[in-house]
Every structure is written in structure tokens, then in C-alpha cells.
Amino acid sequence: MSDAKPELTYEEARRQLAEVVQQLESGGVPLAESMQLWERGEKLAQICQRWLDGAKEKIQAARQASQPDAS
């Protein structure tokens, strides 16, 4: 694996993303920090999306495996 630290679980990434959103919505964060939070939020959203995409692929594969072959 090329990453130095393991990827967050879906639940961890989602929780952290919610915290980032809450901080940004508070309006009390300086611009520079807001930009850093935004970038962190983008990364967390990508992690969540990868987890969701993986789950969707597993569900589709399971559905295809349970259906009789149409050919």
C-alpha cells in the first residue's frame, strides 16, 4: 500500500466530514482555516464516496450471482 496511514472507515470519515461542515457553517472560522477545512472536507467526501461505490459494486455483484444465467 502506498499510503502511509490506513484509510478511515466510512463511519469515521462521515463523522469527521460532519464536523468540518459544522465548523464551516458556524461562520466563525478565518478564511485561511476555512480553505483548509474545505480541502479536508473534499478528501473526506472522496473517502465516503469510495466506500459507497465499493458497497454498490458488491451489491450488484451479489445480485448478478444470484440471478440465473440469461444466455
Protein backbone atom coordinates (compact mmCIF):
# COMPACT_ATOMS: atom_id res chain seq x y z
CA MET A 1 0.00 0.00 0.00
CA SER A 2 1.41 3.40 -0.94
CA ASP A 3 -0.39 5.48 1.71
CA ALA A 4 1.49 5.90 4.98
CA LYS A 5 -1.69 5.78 7.07
CA PRO A 6 -4.68 3.49 6.62
CA GLU A 7 -7.86 4.89 5.13
CA LEU A 8 -10.62 5.83 7.51
CA THR A 9 -13.71 3.70 7.85
CA TYR A 10 -16.86 5.06 6.26
CA GLU A 11 -18.26 5.94 9.67
CA GLU A 12 -15.09 7.78 10.76
CA ALA A 13 -14.89 9.74 7.52
CA ARG A 14 -18.58 10.64 7.68
CA ARG A 15 -18.29 11.80 11.30
CA GLN A 16 -15.24 13.94 10.52
CA LEU A 17 -16.95 15.36 7.44
CA ALA A 18 -19.96 16.35 9.56
CA GLU A 19 -17.60 18.12 11.98
CA VAL A 20 -15.95 20.00 9.11
CA VAL A 21 -19.33 21.08 7.75
CA GLN A 22 -20.42 22.25 11.20
CA GLN A 23 -17.26 24.34 11.58
CA LEU A 24 -17.67 25.87 8.13
CA GLU A 25 -21.34 26.64 8.73
CA SER A 26 -20.57 28.34 12.04
CA GLY A 27 -19.07 31.24 10.12
CA GLY A 28 -16.55 31.99 12.86
CA VAL A 29 -13.56 30.46 11.09
CA PRO A 30 -10.91 32.68 9.44
CA LEU A 31 -10.62 32.42 5.66
CA ALA A 32 -7.30 30.53 5.64
CA GLU A 33 -8.65 27.96 8.07
CA SER A 34 -11.89 27.74 6.09
CA MET A 35 -9.89 26.84 2.99
CA GLN A 36 -8.04 24.11 4.89
CA LEU A 37 -11.31 22.78 6.26
CA TRP A 38 -12.83 22.81 2.78
CA GLU A 39 -9.91 20.81 1.38
CA ARG A 40 -10.16 18.32 4.26
CA GLY A 41 -13.90 18.04 3.63
CA GLU A 42 -13.29 17.28 -0.04
CA LYS A 43 -10.89 14.47 0.88
CA LEU A 44 -13.31 13.06 3.43
CA ALA A 45 -16.16 13.19 0.90
CA GLN A 46 -13.99 11.24 -1.57
CA ILE A 47 -13.30 8.59 1.06
CA CYS A 48 -17.03 8.26 1.77
CA GLN A 49 -17.78 8.03 -1.94
CA ARG A 50 -15.19 5.27 -2.43
CA TRP A 51 -16.80 3.27 0.39
CA LEU A 52 -20.27 3.78 -1.10
CA ASP A 53 -19.10 2.86 -4.60
CA GLY A 54 -17.48 -0.30 -3.24
CA ALA A 55 -20.65 -1.28 -1.42
CA LYS A 56 -22.70 -0.67 -4.57
CA GLU A 57 -20.36 -2.87 -6.62
CA LYS A 58 -20.64 -5.68 -4.05
CA ILE A 59 -24.43 -5.47 -4.10
CA GLN A 60 -24.53 -5.53 -7.89
CA ALA A 61 -22.16 -8.50 -7.99
CA ALA A 62 -24.28 -10.37 -5.45
CA ARG A 63 -27.44 -9.67 -7.45
CA GLN A 64 -25.84 -10.87 -10.67
CA ALA A 65 -24.53 -14.01 -8.97
CA SER A 66 -27.98 -14.85 -7.60
CA GLN A 67 -29.74 -14.49 -10.98
CA PRO A 68 -29.86 -17.43 -13.37
CA ASP A 69 -27.73 -17.04 -16.48
CA ALA A 70 -29.82 -15.43 -19.23
CA SER A 71 -27.88 -16.96 -22.12
